[in-house]
Amino acid sequence: MVTPELIVLSLNLTVALLAYFVAYPMLCGDNLVRIAANDLLATGTVLLVAGMLYAGRDHAFDLLVFSTNWFWFAFITYAAVETPLMIRYFNKRDLWSKF
């Protein structure tokens, strides 16, 4: 049986991989403003889909050390999935020097 946590984690992984391996290289390149704008769109997409699936339901999402609602689970786990991809993307394109 597929748990709600696994569904949200799969959504997060799919959106993050599409963002950093397809969308950002094609649409953003080395432009930090475009990366930030598209990242807000990606994060919003994850939260919108998770909200459509789980808003109003009383399911508690397990984050290993505590339980939370769908919003915080989706947000925190997306940040955790996205961070290594962002670091890789920024290192590959030497974007740290543009800050």
Protein backbone atom coordinates (compact mmCIF):
# COMPACT_ATOMS: atom_id res chain seq x y z
CA MET A 1 0.00 0.00 0.00
CA VAL A 2 1.27 3.46 -0.91
CA THR A 3 1.31 5.82 2.06
CA PRO A 4 0.55 9.56 1.81
CA GLU A 5 4.14 10.26 2.88
CA LEU A 6 5.48 8.25 -0.04
CA ILE A 7 3.16 10.04 -2.46
CA VAL A 8 4.35 13.48 -1.30
CA LEU A 9 8.00 12.37 -1.34
CA SER A 10 7.58 11.04 -4.89
CA LEU A 11 5.98 14.32 -5.94
CA ASN A 12 8.85 16.27 -4.35
CA LEU A 13 11.50 14.15 -6.05
CA THR A 14 9.79 14.37 -9.44
CA VAL A 15 9.37 18.14 -9.32
CA ALA A 16 12.92 18.73 -8.06
CA LEU A 17 14.50 16.47 -10.70
CA LEU A 18 12.50 18.08 -13.50
CA ALA A 19 13.39 21.52 -12.19
CA TYR A 20 17.15 21.02 -11.85
CA PHE A 21 17.76 18.73 -14.82
CA VAL A 22 15.25 20.07 -17.37
CA ALA A 23 13.65 23.42 -16.56
CA TYR A 24 16.49 25.37 -14.96
CA PRO A 25 19.14 24.50 -17.54
CA MET A 26 16.75 25.36 -20.39
CA LEU A 27 14.97 28.39 -18.93
CA CYS A 28 17.28 29.91 -16.34
CA GLY A 29 20.89 29.08 -17.09
CA ASP A 30 23.03 31.24 -14.79
CA ASN A 31 20.40 33.89 -14.03
CA LEU A 32 19.79 33.85 -10.26
CA VAL A 33 16.58 35.88 -10.49
CA ARG A 34 15.07 33.39 -12.94
CA ILE A 35 16.23 30.47 -10.80
CA ALA A 36 14.57 32.01 -7.73
CA ALA A 37 11.33 32.75 -9.60
CA ASN A 38 11.17 29.25 -11.07
CA ASP A 39 12.00 27.74 -7.70
CA LEU A 40 9.04 29.56 -6.15
CA LEU A 41 6.90 28.11 -8.93
CA ALA A 42 8.24 24.59 -8.29
CA THR A 43 7.70 24.89 -4.53
CA GLY A 44 4.22 26.28 -5.11
CA THR A 45 3.41 23.39 -7.42
CA VAL A 46 4.41 20.86 -4.78
CA LEU A 47 2.34 22.63 -2.12
CA LEU A 48 -0.66 23.04 -4.44
CA VAL A 49 -0.75 19.37 -5.43
CA ALA A 50 -0.17 18.16 -1.86
CA GLY A 51 -2.89 20.52 -0.67
CA MET A 52 -5.33 19.27 -3.29
CA LEU A 53 -4.66 15.72 -2.14
CA TYR A 54 -4.57 16.13 1.65
CA ALA A 55 -6.03 19.47 2.79
CA GLY A 56 -8.94 18.97 5.14
CA ARG A 57 -7.96 15.41 6.00
CA ASP A 58 -6.86 14.46 9.46
CA HIS A 59 -3.81 12.48 8.38
CA ALA A 60 -0.70 13.13 10.47
CA PHE A 61 2.49 13.00 8.39
CA ASP A 62 5.48 11.42 10.13
CA LEU A 63 8.80 13.31 9.92
CA LEU A 64 10.77 10.71 11.95
CA VAL A 65 11.11 12.89 15.07
CA PHE A 66 7.66 14.49 15.05
CA SER A 67 4.35 14.46 13.21
CA THR A 68 2.99 17.38 11.25
CA ASN A 69 0.31 18.32 8.74
CA TRP A 70 0.54 18.00 4.95
CA PHE A 71 1.81 21.57 4.39
CA TRP A 72 4.87 21.36 6.63
CA PHE A 73 5.65 17.81 5.56
CA ALA A 74 5.61 18.80 1.88
CA PHE A 75 7.58 21.99 2.49
CA ILE A 76 10.28 20.49 4.72
CA THR A 77 10.79 17.38 2.62
CA TYR A 78 10.90 19.39 -0.61
CA ALA A 79 13.62 21.57 0.90
CA ALA A 80 15.52 18.44 1.93
CA VAL A 81 15.21 16.91 -1.55
CA GLU A 82 16.04 20.15 -3.33
CA THR A 83 19.10 21.22 -1.33
CA PRO A 84 21.61 18.69 -2.72
CA LEU A 85 20.35 19.33 -6.26
CA MET A 86 20.69 23.08 -5.78
CA ILE A 87 24.23 22.74 -4.43
CA ARG A 88 25.18 20.55 -7.40
CA TYR A 89 23.62 23.00 -9.89
CA PHE A 90 25.30 26.02 -8.29
CA ASN A 91 28.70 24.29 -8.13
CA LYS A 92 28.48 23.11 -11.73
CA ARG A 93 27.66 26.61 -13.00
CA ASP A 94 29.84 28.48 -10.48
CA LEU A 95 26.87 30.51 -9.27
CA TRP A 96 28.17 31.02 -5.71
CA SER A 97 30.35 33.88 -6.97
CA LYS A 98 27.26 35.77 -8.22
CA PHE A 99 25.87 36.35 -4.73
